[in-house]
N, C-alpha and C. Protein backbone atom coordinates (compact mmCIF):
# COMPACT_ATOMS: atom_id res chain seq x y z
N UNK A 1 -13.96 -65.19 182.11
CA UNK A 1 -14.05 -66.17 183.19
C UNK A 1 -12.66 -66.73 183.53
N UNK A 2 -11.83 -66.91 182.51
CA UNK A 2 -10.48 -67.42 182.75
C UNK A 2 -9.72 -66.51 183.71
N UNK A 3 -9.90 -65.21 183.52
CA UNK A 3 -9.22 -64.23 184.39
C UNK A 3 -9.67 -64.39 185.83
N UNK A 4 -10.98 -64.60 186.03
CA UNK A 4 -11.51 -64.75 187.38
C UNK A 4 -11.01 -66.04 188.04
N UNK A 5 -10.99 -67.12 187.28
CA UNK A 5 -10.52 -68.39 187.83
C UNK A 5 -9.05 -68.31 188.21
N UNK A 6 -8.28 -67.64 187.36
CA UNK A 6 -6.87 -67.43 187.68
C UNK A 6 -6.75 -66.62 188.97
N UNK A 7 -7.64 -65.65 189.10
CA UNK A 7 -7.61 -64.79 190.28
C UNK A 7 -7.90 -65.52 191.57
N UNK A 8 -8.87 -66.44 191.56
CA UNK A 8 -9.19 -67.13 192.81
C UNK A 8 -8.05 -68.06 193.24
N UNK A 9 -7.35 -68.62 192.29
CA UNK A 9 -6.20 -69.46 192.64
C UNK A 9 -5.04 -68.61 193.16
N UNK A 10 -4.87 -67.45 192.57
CA UNK A 10 -3.83 -66.54 193.04
C UNK A 10 -4.16 -66.04 194.45
N UNK A 11 -5.45 -65.75 194.69
CA UNK A 11 -5.88 -65.31 196.02
C UNK A 11 -5.53 -66.37 197.06
N UNK A 12 -5.89 -67.61 196.78
CA UNK A 12 -5.66 -68.70 197.75
C UNK A 12 -4.17 -68.89 198.01
N UNK A 13 -3.37 -68.74 196.96
CA UNK A 13 -1.94 -69.01 197.09
C UNK A 13 -1.18 -67.85 197.70
N UNK A 14 -1.48 -66.61 197.25
CA UNK A 14 -0.67 -65.47 197.65
C UNK A 14 -1.26 -64.64 198.79
N UNK A 15 -2.58 -64.50 198.81
CA UNK A 15 -3.19 -63.59 199.78
C UNK A 15 -3.76 -64.33 200.99
N UNK A 16 -4.54 -65.39 200.74
CA UNK A 16 -5.11 -66.13 201.87
C UNK A 16 -4.01 -66.72 202.73
N UNK A 17 -2.96 -67.18 202.11
CA UNK A 17 -1.87 -67.80 202.87
C UNK A 17 -1.21 -66.80 203.82
N UNK A 18 -1.19 -65.52 203.43
CA UNK A 18 -0.60 -64.49 204.28
C UNK A 18 -1.52 -64.13 205.44
N UNK A 19 -2.84 -64.20 205.21
CA UNK A 19 -3.82 -63.78 206.22
C UNK A 19 -4.68 -64.93 206.70
N UNK A 20 -4.15 -66.13 206.65
CA UNK A 20 -4.98 -67.28 206.99
C UNK A 20 -5.45 -67.26 208.43
N UNK A 21 -4.68 -66.68 209.34
CA UNK A 21 -5.12 -66.60 210.73
C UNK A 21 -6.32 -65.67 210.86
N UNK A 22 -6.32 -64.60 210.08
CA UNK A 22 -7.46 -63.68 210.08
C UNK A 22 -8.71 -64.40 209.58
N UNK A 23 -8.59 -65.13 208.48
CA UNK A 23 -9.75 -65.82 207.92
C UNK A 23 -10.24 -66.92 208.86
N UNK A 24 -9.35 -67.61 209.50
CA UNK A 24 -9.75 -68.65 210.44
C UNK A 24 -10.46 -68.04 211.65
N UNK A 25 -9.96 -66.91 212.10
CA UNK A 25 -10.59 -66.22 213.23
C UNK A 25 -11.99 -65.75 212.86
N UNK A 26 -12.13 -65.23 211.65
CA UNK A 26 -13.45 -64.79 211.18
C UNK A 26 -14.40 -65.96 211.05
N UNK A 27 -13.89 -67.09 210.60
CA UNK A 27 -14.72 -68.28 210.45
C UNK A 27 -15.19 -68.81 211.80
N UNK A 28 -14.36 -68.68 212.80
CA UNK A 28 -14.69 -69.20 214.13
C UNK A 28 -15.57 -68.24 214.93
N UNK A 29 -15.27 -66.95 214.86
CA UNK A 29 -15.96 -65.97 215.70
C UNK A 29 -17.15 -65.31 215.03
N UNK A 30 -17.22 -65.39 213.71
CA UNK A 30 -18.27 -64.67 213.01
C UNK A 30 -17.81 -63.26 212.66
N UNK A 31 -18.75 -62.44 212.22
CA UNK A 31 -18.38 -61.09 211.79
C UNK A 31 -18.78 -60.03 212.80
N UNK A 32 -17.92 -59.04 212.92
CA UNK A 32 -18.16 -57.89 213.79
C UNK A 32 -17.70 -56.62 213.06
N UNK A 33 -18.38 -56.27 211.97
CA UNK A 33 -17.94 -55.12 211.16
C UNK A 33 -18.11 -53.80 211.90
N UNK A 34 -17.25 -52.86 211.55
CA UNK A 34 -17.31 -51.52 212.16
C UNK A 34 -18.41 -50.68 211.55
N UNK A 35 -18.68 -50.89 210.26
CA UNK A 35 -19.60 -50.00 209.57
C UNK A 35 -20.41 -50.72 208.50
N UNK A 36 -21.57 -50.16 208.21
CA UNK A 36 -22.37 -50.55 207.05
C UNK A 36 -21.98 -49.58 205.94
N UNK A 37 -21.52 -50.10 204.83
CA UNK A 37 -21.06 -49.27 203.71
C UNK A 37 -22.04 -49.45 202.56
N UNK A 38 -22.81 -48.40 202.27
CA UNK A 38 -23.81 -48.44 201.21
C UNK A 38 -23.26 -47.70 200.00
N UNK A 39 -23.12 -48.40 198.89
CA UNK A 39 -22.56 -47.77 197.71
C UNK A 39 -23.17 -48.37 196.44
N UNK A 40 -22.69 -47.90 195.31
CA UNK A 40 -23.22 -48.30 194.02
C UNK A 40 -22.65 -49.64 193.57
N UNK A 41 -23.37 -50.31 192.68
CA UNK A 41 -22.90 -51.57 192.12
C UNK A 41 -21.80 -51.36 191.08
N UNK A 42 -21.52 -50.13 190.72
CA UNK A 42 -20.52 -49.82 189.71
C UNK A 42 -19.23 -50.61 189.94
N UNK A 43 -18.73 -51.26 188.90
CA UNK A 43 -17.57 -52.14 189.03
C UNK A 43 -16.28 -51.40 189.38
N UNK A 44 -16.30 -50.07 189.27
CA UNK A 44 -15.09 -49.30 189.56
C UNK A 44 -14.97 -48.93 191.04
N UNK A 45 -15.98 -49.26 191.83
CA UNK A 45 -15.97 -48.92 193.25
C UNK A 45 -15.61 -50.16 194.05
N UNK A 46 -14.54 -50.09 194.82
CA UNK A 46 -14.07 -51.21 195.63
C UNK A 46 -13.94 -50.74 197.08
N UNK A 47 -15.00 -50.90 197.88
CA UNK A 47 -15.01 -50.35 199.25
C UNK A 47 -13.80 -50.73 200.11
N UNK A 48 -13.44 -52.01 200.14
CA UNK A 48 -12.31 -52.40 200.98
C UNK A 48 -10.99 -51.83 200.46
N UNK A 49 -10.91 -51.66 199.16
CA UNK A 49 -9.67 -51.11 198.59
C UNK A 49 -9.54 -49.63 198.89
N UNK A 50 -10.61 -48.86 198.70
CA UNK A 50 -10.50 -47.41 198.90
C UNK A 50 -10.39 -47.05 200.38
N UNK A 51 -10.84 -47.94 201.27
CA UNK A 51 -10.70 -47.68 202.71
C UNK A 51 -9.52 -48.44 203.29
N UNK A 52 -8.88 -49.28 202.45
CA UNK A 52 -7.76 -50.11 202.90
C UNK A 52 -8.15 -50.94 204.13
N UNK A 53 -9.36 -51.49 204.06
CA UNK A 53 -9.84 -52.34 205.14
C UNK A 53 -9.48 -53.79 204.92
N UNK A 54 -9.84 -54.62 205.89
CA UNK A 54 -9.62 -56.05 205.81
C UNK A 54 -10.97 -56.77 205.79
N UNK A 55 -10.99 -58.03 205.38
CA UNK A 55 -12.22 -58.80 205.49
C UNK A 55 -12.74 -58.74 206.92
N UNK A 56 -14.03 -58.49 207.05
CA UNK A 56 -14.63 -58.38 208.38
C UNK A 56 -14.82 -56.95 208.84
N UNK A 57 -14.21 -55.97 208.15
CA UNK A 57 -14.31 -54.57 208.59
C UNK A 57 -15.61 -53.91 208.17
N UNK A 58 -16.11 -54.26 206.98
CA UNK A 58 -17.28 -53.59 206.43
C UNK A 58 -18.40 -54.57 206.09
N UNK A 59 -19.62 -54.18 206.43
CA UNK A 59 -20.81 -54.89 205.97
C UNK A 59 -21.28 -54.08 204.76
N UNK A 60 -21.16 -54.64 203.56
CA UNK A 60 -21.32 -53.86 202.34
C UNK A 60 -22.67 -54.12 201.66
N UNK A 61 -23.36 -53.04 201.35
CA UNK A 61 -24.63 -53.09 200.63
C UNK A 61 -24.47 -52.32 199.34
N UNK A 62 -24.69 -53.00 198.20
CA UNK A 62 -24.51 -52.35 196.91
C UNK A 62 -25.76 -52.49 196.07
N UNK A 63 -26.09 -51.43 195.37
CA UNK A 63 -27.15 -51.50 194.37
C UNK A 63 -26.93 -50.37 193.36
N UNK A 64 -27.65 -50.43 192.27
CA UNK A 64 -27.52 -49.40 191.23
C UNK A 64 -27.97 -48.05 191.78
N UNK A 65 -27.04 -47.10 191.85
CA UNK A 65 -27.38 -45.76 192.31
C UNK A 65 -27.28 -45.54 193.80
N UNK A 66 -26.81 -46.55 194.55
CA UNK A 66 -26.77 -46.50 196.02
C UNK A 66 -28.04 -45.89 196.61
N UNK A 67 -29.18 -46.41 196.17
CA UNK A 67 -30.47 -45.93 196.65
C UNK A 67 -30.87 -46.63 197.95
N UNK A 68 -31.55 -45.90 198.82
CA UNK A 68 -32.13 -46.44 200.04
C UNK A 68 -33.61 -46.09 200.04
N UNK A 69 -34.49 -47.03 199.67
CA UNK A 69 -35.92 -46.72 199.68
C UNK A 69 -36.36 -46.32 201.08
N UNK A 70 -37.19 -45.28 201.22
CA UNK A 70 -37.63 -44.87 202.56
C UNK A 70 -38.45 -45.95 203.23
N UNK A 71 -38.40 -45.96 204.55
CA UNK A 71 -39.13 -46.96 205.33
C UNK A 71 -40.63 -46.75 205.20
N UNK A 72 -41.36 -47.83 205.11
CA UNK A 72 -42.82 -47.77 205.04
C UNK A 72 -43.41 -48.97 205.76
N UNK A 73 -44.27 -48.72 206.73
CA UNK A 73 -44.92 -49.82 207.44
C UNK A 73 -45.94 -50.52 206.55
N UNK A 74 -46.56 -49.74 205.65
CA UNK A 74 -47.59 -50.31 204.79
C UNK A 74 -47.00 -51.17 203.68
N UNK A 75 -45.84 -50.78 203.18
CA UNK A 75 -45.23 -51.50 202.06
C UNK A 75 -43.76 -51.73 202.36
N UNK A 76 -43.47 -52.91 202.93
CA UNK A 76 -42.08 -53.20 203.28
C UNK A 76 -41.23 -53.32 202.02
N UNK A 77 -40.02 -52.82 202.10
CA UNK A 77 -39.09 -52.83 200.97
C UNK A 77 -38.74 -54.26 200.58
N UNK A 78 -38.92 -54.59 199.31
CA UNK A 78 -38.64 -55.94 198.83
C UNK A 78 -37.27 -56.05 198.15
N UNK A 79 -36.51 -54.96 198.12
CA UNK A 79 -35.22 -54.97 197.43
C UNK A 79 -34.11 -55.58 198.26
N UNK A 80 -34.34 -55.73 199.57
CA UNK A 80 -33.30 -56.23 200.45
C UNK A 80 -32.54 -55.13 201.16
N UNK A 81 -32.72 -53.88 200.74
CA UNK A 81 -32.01 -52.77 201.36
C UNK A 81 -32.43 -52.62 202.82
N UNK A 82 -33.74 -52.60 203.06
CA UNK A 82 -34.24 -52.45 204.42
C UNK A 82 -33.77 -53.58 205.33
N UNK A 83 -33.76 -54.79 204.81
CA UNK A 83 -33.32 -55.94 205.59
C UNK A 83 -31.84 -55.79 205.97
N UNK A 84 -31.03 -55.34 205.03
CA UNK A 84 -29.60 -55.16 205.29
C UNK A 84 -29.37 -54.07 206.34
N UNK A 85 -30.13 -52.99 206.25
CA UNK A 85 -30.00 -51.90 207.22
C UNK A 85 -30.37 -52.38 208.62
N UNK A 86 -31.52 -53.03 208.73
CA UNK A 86 -31.95 -53.53 210.04
C UNK A 86 -30.96 -54.53 210.62
N UNK A 87 -30.48 -55.43 209.79
CA UNK A 87 -29.55 -56.46 210.24
C UNK A 87 -28.25 -55.83 210.73
N UNK A 88 -27.74 -54.88 209.97
CA UNK A 88 -26.48 -54.23 210.33
C UNK A 88 -26.60 -53.45 211.64
N UNK A 89 -27.72 -52.75 211.79
CA UNK A 89 -27.88 -51.87 212.96
C UNK A 89 -28.30 -52.65 214.20
N UNK A 90 -29.28 -53.53 214.06
CA UNK A 90 -29.83 -54.20 215.23
C UNK A 90 -29.07 -55.47 215.63
N UNK A 91 -28.60 -56.23 214.66
CA UNK A 91 -27.93 -57.49 214.98
C UNK A 91 -26.42 -57.33 215.06
N UNK A 92 -25.84 -56.71 214.04
CA UNK A 92 -24.38 -56.54 214.02
C UNK A 92 -23.93 -55.35 214.86
N UNK A 93 -24.87 -54.44 215.13
CA UNK A 93 -24.60 -53.26 215.96
C UNK A 93 -23.43 -52.43 215.44
N UNK A 94 -23.45 -52.15 214.14
CA UNK A 94 -22.40 -51.30 213.57
C UNK A 94 -22.46 -49.92 214.21
N UNK A 95 -21.33 -49.27 214.27
CA UNK A 95 -21.24 -47.95 214.88
C UNK A 95 -21.43 -46.82 213.87
N UNK A 96 -21.21 -47.14 212.59
CA UNK A 96 -21.30 -46.11 211.55
C UNK A 96 -21.99 -46.67 210.31
N UNK A 97 -22.71 -45.79 209.62
CA UNK A 97 -23.24 -46.10 208.30
C UNK A 97 -22.69 -45.06 207.34
N UNK A 98 -22.11 -45.52 206.25
CA UNK A 98 -21.56 -44.63 205.23
C UNK A 98 -22.35 -44.82 203.95
N UNK A 99 -22.91 -43.73 203.43
CA UNK A 99 -23.54 -43.76 202.11
C UNK A 99 -22.55 -43.10 201.16
N UNK A 100 -22.03 -43.87 200.21
CA UNK A 100 -20.96 -43.38 199.34
C UNK A 100 -21.39 -43.36 197.88
N UNK A 101 -21.56 -42.16 197.35
CA UNK A 101 -21.83 -42.00 195.93
C UNK A 101 -20.52 -41.85 195.18
N UNK A 102 -20.60 -41.66 193.87
CA UNK A 102 -19.36 -41.56 193.10
C UNK A 102 -19.56 -40.77 191.82
N UNK A 103 -18.46 -40.35 191.24
CA UNK A 103 -18.50 -39.60 189.98
C UNK A 103 -18.88 -40.52 188.83
N UNK A 104 -19.37 -39.93 187.74
CA UNK A 104 -19.69 -40.66 186.51
C UNK A 104 -20.65 -41.83 186.78
N UNK A 105 -21.66 -41.59 187.59
CA UNK A 105 -22.61 -42.66 187.95
C UNK A 105 -23.66 -42.84 186.84
N UNK A 106 -23.66 -44.01 186.24
CA UNK A 106 -24.59 -44.28 185.15
C UNK A 106 -26.04 -44.23 185.58
N UNK A 107 -26.33 -44.66 186.80
CA UNK A 107 -27.71 -44.65 187.29
C UNK A 107 -28.24 -43.23 187.41
N UNK A 108 -27.40 -42.33 187.92
CA UNK A 108 -27.83 -40.95 188.08
C UNK A 108 -27.96 -40.24 186.73
N UNK A 109 -27.10 -40.59 185.79
CA UNK A 109 -27.24 -40.04 184.44
C UNK A 109 -28.52 -40.55 183.78
N UNK A 110 -28.88 -41.80 184.08
CA UNK A 110 -30.08 -42.40 183.49
C UNK A 110 -31.34 -41.68 183.93
N UNK A 111 -31.29 -40.99 185.07
CA UNK A 111 -32.46 -40.25 185.54
C UNK A 111 -32.85 -39.13 184.57
N UNK A 112 -31.91 -38.72 183.75
CA UNK A 112 -32.18 -37.64 182.80
C UNK A 112 -32.70 -38.16 181.45
N UNK A 113 -32.77 -39.46 181.32
CA UNK A 113 -33.25 -40.04 180.07
C UNK A 113 -34.75 -40.32 180.13
N UNK A 114 -35.35 -40.41 178.99
CA UNK A 114 -36.76 -40.77 178.89
C UNK A 114 -36.93 -42.19 179.43
N UNK A 115 -37.82 -42.36 180.41
CA UNK A 115 -38.00 -43.69 181.03
C UNK A 115 -38.47 -44.73 180.03
N UNK A 116 -39.10 -44.29 178.96
CA UNK A 116 -39.56 -45.25 177.96
C UNK A 116 -38.38 -45.96 177.30
N UNK A 117 -37.18 -45.37 177.41
CA UNK A 117 -35.98 -45.99 176.85
C UNK A 117 -35.63 -47.29 177.58
N UNK A 118 -36.22 -47.45 178.77
CA UNK A 118 -35.91 -48.63 179.57
C UNK A 118 -37.04 -49.65 179.56
N UNK A 119 -37.88 -49.58 178.53
CA UNK A 119 -39.01 -50.50 178.44
C UNK A 119 -38.56 -51.95 178.40
N UNK A 120 -37.39 -52.20 177.83
CA UNK A 120 -36.87 -53.57 177.74
C UNK A 120 -36.22 -54.01 179.05
N UNK A 121 -36.08 -53.07 180.00
CA UNK A 121 -35.50 -53.37 181.32
C UNK A 121 -36.44 -52.86 182.40
N UNK A 122 -37.59 -53.51 182.58
CA UNK A 122 -38.61 -53.01 183.51
C UNK A 122 -38.13 -52.91 184.96
N UNK A 123 -37.25 -53.81 185.39
CA UNK A 123 -36.74 -53.73 186.75
C UNK A 123 -35.88 -52.48 186.94
N UNK A 124 -35.09 -52.17 185.92
CA UNK A 124 -34.26 -50.96 185.98
C UNK A 124 -35.15 -49.71 186.01
N UNK A 125 -36.14 -49.68 185.14
CA UNK A 125 -37.05 -48.53 185.08
C UNK A 125 -37.72 -48.30 186.43
N UNK A 126 -38.17 -49.38 187.06
CA UNK A 126 -38.84 -49.26 188.36
C UNK A 126 -37.87 -48.81 189.43
N UNK A 127 -36.66 -49.37 189.41
CA UNK A 127 -35.66 -49.02 190.42
C UNK A 127 -35.26 -47.56 190.34
N UNK A 128 -35.21 -47.01 189.14
CA UNK A 128 -34.81 -45.61 188.97
C UNK A 128 -35.80 -44.63 189.59
N UNK A 129 -36.99 -45.09 189.87
CA UNK A 129 -37.97 -44.23 190.54
C UNK A 129 -37.47 -43.77 191.90
N UNK A 130 -36.54 -44.53 192.49
CA UNK A 130 -35.98 -44.13 193.78
C UNK A 130 -35.10 -42.89 193.65
N UNK A 131 -34.82 -42.48 192.42
CA UNK A 131 -34.04 -41.26 192.21
C UNK A 131 -34.90 -40.04 191.93
N UNK A 132 -36.22 -40.22 191.91
CA UNK A 132 -37.11 -39.10 191.58
C UNK A 132 -36.99 -37.95 192.57
N UNK A 133 -36.87 -38.28 193.85
CA UNK A 133 -36.74 -37.23 194.87
C UNK A 133 -35.44 -36.46 194.66
N UNK A 134 -34.39 -37.14 194.31
CA UNK A 134 -33.11 -36.47 194.03
C UNK A 134 -33.27 -35.49 192.88
N UNK A 135 -33.97 -35.90 191.84
CA UNK A 135 -34.19 -35.01 190.70
C UNK A 135 -34.97 -33.77 191.11
N UNK A 136 -35.94 -33.93 191.98
CA UNK A 136 -36.71 -32.78 192.46
C UNK A 136 -35.81 -31.79 193.19
N UNK A 137 -34.92 -32.31 194.01
CA UNK A 137 -33.99 -31.45 194.76
C UNK A 137 -33.07 -30.69 193.82
N UNK A 138 -32.52 -31.39 192.84
CA UNK A 138 -31.59 -30.76 191.89
C UNK A 138 -32.30 -29.71 191.05
N UNK A 139 -33.48 -30.02 190.57
CA UNK A 139 -34.22 -29.08 189.74
C UNK A 139 -34.61 -27.83 190.52
N UNK A 140 -34.89 -27.99 191.81
CA UNK A 140 -35.29 -26.85 192.63
C UNK A 140 -34.12 -25.96 193.01
N UNK A 141 -32.94 -26.56 193.17
CA UNK A 141 -31.79 -25.81 193.69
C UNK A 141 -30.74 -25.42 192.66
N UNK A 142 -30.78 -26.06 191.47
CA UNK A 142 -29.77 -25.75 190.45
C UNK A 142 -30.43 -25.53 189.09
N UNK A 143 -31.37 -24.60 189.01
CA UNK A 143 -32.12 -24.43 187.76
C UNK A 143 -31.30 -23.90 186.59
N UNK A 144 -30.18 -23.24 186.87
CA UNK A 144 -29.40 -22.63 185.80
C UNK A 144 -28.34 -23.52 185.18
N UNK A 145 -28.13 -24.71 185.72
CA UNK A 145 -27.07 -25.57 185.22
C UNK A 145 -27.51 -26.37 184.00
N UNK A 146 -26.56 -26.62 183.11
CA UNK A 146 -26.84 -27.48 181.97
C UNK A 146 -26.93 -28.92 182.46
N UNK A 147 -27.44 -29.80 181.60
CA UNK A 147 -27.56 -31.20 181.99
C UNK A 147 -26.20 -31.79 182.34
N UNK A 148 -25.18 -31.48 181.55
CA UNK A 148 -23.85 -32.04 181.79
C UNK A 148 -23.30 -31.57 183.14
N UNK A 149 -23.53 -30.29 183.46
CA UNK A 149 -23.03 -29.75 184.73
C UNK A 149 -23.80 -30.31 185.92
N UNK A 150 -25.00 -30.78 185.67
CA UNK A 150 -25.81 -31.31 186.77
C UNK A 150 -25.42 -32.72 187.19
N UNK A 151 -24.73 -33.45 186.34
CA UNK A 151 -24.46 -34.86 186.62
C UNK A 151 -23.76 -35.05 187.97
N UNK A 152 -22.65 -34.34 188.18
CA UNK A 152 -21.91 -34.52 189.43
C UNK A 152 -22.72 -34.03 190.62
N UNK A 153 -23.40 -32.88 190.43
CA UNK A 153 -24.25 -32.36 191.51
C UNK A 153 -25.33 -33.37 191.86
N UNK A 154 -25.89 -34.02 190.84
CA UNK A 154 -26.95 -35.00 191.07
C UNK A 154 -26.43 -36.16 191.90
N UNK A 155 -25.25 -36.66 191.60
CA UNK A 155 -24.66 -37.76 192.36
C UNK A 155 -24.42 -37.36 193.81
N UNK A 156 -23.97 -36.12 194.02
CA UNK A 156 -23.70 -35.66 195.38
C UNK A 156 -24.99 -35.44 196.16
N UNK A 157 -25.97 -34.81 195.53
CA UNK A 157 -27.25 -34.58 196.20
C UNK A 157 -27.96 -35.90 196.48
N UNK A 158 -27.77 -36.87 195.60
CA UNK A 158 -28.41 -38.17 195.78
C UNK A 158 -27.97 -38.83 197.08
N UNK A 159 -26.70 -38.68 197.43
CA UNK A 159 -26.21 -39.25 198.68
C UNK A 159 -26.96 -38.65 199.87
N UNK A 160 -27.19 -37.35 199.83
CA UNK A 160 -27.88 -36.68 200.93
C UNK A 160 -29.35 -37.10 201.01
N UNK A 161 -29.98 -37.29 199.86
CA UNK A 161 -31.36 -37.75 199.85
C UNK A 161 -31.46 -39.16 200.43
N UNK A 162 -30.52 -40.01 200.06
CA UNK A 162 -30.54 -41.38 200.59
C UNK A 162 -30.26 -41.40 202.09
N UNK A 163 -29.48 -40.46 202.57
CA UNK A 163 -29.26 -40.34 204.02
C UNK A 163 -30.56 -39.98 204.72
N UNK A 164 -31.34 -39.08 204.11
CA UNK A 164 -32.63 -38.73 204.67
C UNK A 164 -33.53 -39.96 204.74
N UNK A 165 -33.53 -40.74 203.67
CA UNK A 165 -34.34 -41.95 203.64
C UNK A 165 -33.87 -42.94 204.71
N UNK A 166 -32.56 -43.04 204.88
CA UNK A 166 -32.00 -43.95 205.86
C UNK A 166 -32.49 -43.62 207.26
N UNK A 167 -32.63 -42.37 207.54
CA UNK A 167 -33.06 -41.93 208.88
C UNK A 167 -34.54 -42.15 209.13
N UNK A 168 -35.28 -42.62 208.12
CA UNK A 168 -36.69 -42.94 208.35
C UNK A 168 -36.85 -44.33 208.96
N UNK A 169 -35.78 -45.13 208.99
CA UNK A 169 -35.86 -46.47 209.55
C UNK A 169 -35.84 -46.42 211.08
N UNK A 170 -36.82 -47.03 211.74
CA UNK A 170 -36.87 -47.01 213.21
C UNK A 170 -35.58 -47.46 213.86
N UNK A 171 -34.95 -48.50 213.32
CA UNK A 171 -33.70 -49.01 213.90
C UNK A 171 -32.61 -47.96 213.86
N UNK A 172 -32.54 -47.22 212.75
CA UNK A 172 -31.53 -46.18 212.60
C UNK A 172 -31.82 -45.01 213.53
N UNK A 173 -33.07 -44.59 213.59
CA UNK A 173 -33.45 -43.47 214.45
C UNK A 173 -33.14 -43.77 215.92
N UNK A 174 -33.48 -44.97 216.36
CA UNK A 174 -33.25 -45.32 217.76
C UNK A 174 -31.76 -45.39 218.08
N UNK A 175 -30.99 -46.05 217.22
CA UNK A 175 -29.56 -46.18 217.47
C UNK A 175 -28.87 -44.81 217.46
N UNK A 176 -29.29 -43.94 216.55
CA UNK A 176 -28.71 -42.59 216.49
C UNK A 176 -29.10 -41.79 217.72
N UNK A 177 -30.34 -41.93 218.14
CA UNK A 177 -30.81 -41.22 219.34
C UNK A 177 -30.07 -41.67 220.59
N UNK A 178 -29.73 -42.96 220.62
CA UNK A 178 -28.99 -43.50 221.77
C UNK A 178 -27.50 -43.17 221.72
N UNK A 179 -27.07 -42.56 220.63
CA UNK A 179 -25.68 -42.16 220.51
C UNK A 179 -24.71 -43.25 220.11
N UNK A 180 -25.24 -44.38 219.63
CA UNK A 180 -24.34 -45.48 219.25
C UNK A 180 -24.23 -45.66 217.75
N UNK A 181 -24.78 -44.74 216.98
CA UNK A 181 -24.72 -44.85 215.52
C UNK A 181 -24.56 -43.47 214.89
N UNK A 182 -23.67 -43.39 213.92
CA UNK A 182 -23.46 -42.14 213.19
C UNK A 182 -23.55 -42.42 211.69
N UNK A 183 -24.17 -41.50 210.97
CA UNK A 183 -24.38 -41.67 209.53
C UNK A 183 -23.53 -40.65 208.79
N UNK A 184 -22.83 -41.10 207.73
CA UNK A 184 -21.90 -40.24 207.01
C UNK A 184 -22.20 -40.25 205.51
N UNK A 185 -21.98 -39.12 204.86
CA UNK A 185 -22.15 -38.99 203.41
C UNK A 185 -20.79 -38.82 202.77
N UNK A 186 -20.43 -39.75 201.87
CA UNK A 186 -19.16 -39.68 201.16
C UNK A 186 -19.40 -39.60 199.66
N UNK A 187 -18.41 -39.03 198.98
CA UNK A 187 -18.45 -38.96 197.52
C UNK A 187 -17.06 -39.29 196.99
N UNK A 188 -16.99 -40.31 196.15
CA UNK A 188 -15.72 -40.81 195.62
C UNK A 188 -15.51 -40.35 194.19
N UNK A 189 -14.40 -39.67 193.93
CA UNK A 189 -14.03 -39.26 192.58
C UNK A 189 -13.15 -40.35 191.98
N UNK A 190 -13.67 -41.04 191.01
CA UNK A 190 -12.94 -42.18 190.43
C UNK A 190 -11.62 -41.75 189.80
N UNK A 191 -11.65 -40.66 189.05
CA UNK A 191 -10.46 -40.24 188.31
C UNK A 191 -9.31 -39.75 189.17
N UNK A 192 -9.61 -39.23 190.37
CA UNK A 192 -8.56 -38.68 191.23
C UNK A 192 -8.27 -39.57 192.44
N UNK A 193 -9.21 -40.47 192.76
CA UNK A 193 -9.05 -41.31 193.95
C UNK A 193 -9.39 -40.59 195.24
N UNK A 194 -9.88 -39.35 195.13
CA UNK A 194 -10.21 -38.57 196.33
C UNK A 194 -11.60 -38.95 196.85
N UNK A 195 -11.72 -38.97 198.17
CA UNK A 195 -13.01 -39.17 198.81
C UNK A 195 -13.35 -37.93 199.61
N UNK A 196 -14.54 -37.41 199.38
CA UNK A 196 -15.02 -36.23 200.08
C UNK A 196 -16.14 -36.62 201.03
N UNK A 197 -16.24 -35.92 202.13
CA UNK A 197 -17.36 -36.13 203.05
C UNK A 197 -18.20 -34.87 203.09
N UNK A 198 -19.48 -35.05 203.38
CA UNK A 198 -20.36 -33.88 203.47
C UNK A 198 -20.29 -33.32 204.89
N UNK A 199 -20.05 -32.02 204.96
CA UNK A 199 -20.01 -31.33 206.25
C UNK A 199 -21.34 -30.62 206.49
N UNK A 200 -22.15 -31.07 207.44
CA UNK A 200 -23.42 -30.40 207.72
C UNK A 200 -23.21 -28.95 208.18
N UNK A 201 -22.09 -28.70 208.85
CA UNK A 201 -21.81 -27.35 209.33
C UNK A 201 -21.57 -26.39 208.17
N UNK A 202 -20.80 -26.83 207.19
CA UNK A 202 -20.49 -25.98 206.04
C UNK A 202 -21.45 -26.17 204.89
N UNK A 203 -22.28 -27.22 204.97
CA UNK A 203 -23.24 -27.56 203.92
C UNK A 203 -22.56 -27.74 202.57
N UNK A 204 -21.44 -28.47 202.60
CA UNK A 204 -20.71 -28.76 201.37
C UNK A 204 -19.81 -29.98 201.57
N UNK A 205 -19.39 -30.55 200.45
CA UNK A 205 -18.45 -31.68 200.52
C UNK A 205 -17.03 -31.13 200.64
N UNK A 206 -16.20 -31.84 201.40
CA UNK A 206 -14.81 -31.45 201.56
C UNK A 206 -13.96 -32.71 201.67
N UNK A 207 -12.69 -32.63 201.22
CA UNK A 207 -11.82 -33.81 201.29
C UNK A 207 -11.69 -34.32 202.71
N UNK A 208 -11.67 -35.63 202.87
CA UNK A 208 -11.48 -36.21 204.20
C UNK A 208 -10.01 -36.09 204.57
N UNK A 209 -9.75 -35.47 205.70
CA UNK A 209 -8.37 -35.27 206.15
C UNK A 209 -7.87 -36.50 206.89
N UNK A 210 -6.58 -36.74 206.81
CA UNK A 210 -5.99 -37.94 207.41
C UNK A 210 -6.17 -38.00 208.92
N UNK A 211 -6.23 -36.81 209.56
CA UNK A 211 -6.31 -36.79 211.02
C UNK A 211 -7.74 -37.02 211.52
N UNK A 212 -8.73 -37.07 210.61
CA UNK A 212 -10.11 -37.29 211.03
C UNK A 212 -10.31 -38.71 211.50
N UNK A 213 -11.17 -38.87 212.50
CA UNK A 213 -11.52 -40.22 212.98
C UNK A 213 -12.89 -40.16 213.64
């Protein structure tokens, strides 16, 4: 806690003072983010840092495993994910949604463990059910891989599954159909700092080039 308290004082003194006009403008005008950034709660992932954005650039949604429960009229999502998606698309009118998975994801590795191991964490056990579809995809398409070799593939495939779920939301479907919203799949390698995007044309992840926009 001492480290955090020191940090907030350093922020106010060194960083806020440099960008105080930006913060005052944001306080007066409200937020107009460019994108909804959906990623994992993992402490090693820092969306504004890896994109070199500023406060106000990203509307960030984080949860364990960067899961997006599919839309259901009968059973509205109680996790807050659906609310964040609707708010970002319909109210904030973001132009892009990025689903960003990452290497060494503990949530995706946990999918390979016996669920009874999480009896003492019932919320975690229930939340991991959102990864069941990802496991089905991996088991169907990569039957020859060892468990260790599947980990990275699972994290990458999980991003694509969550993108499919994202497109089940009426707000997302309408905005995409109207041409004012684009959905992107990213994968962040923690150890190298590289970010890859999924190319639907090539059906594979590839490094994001600097000239892309």
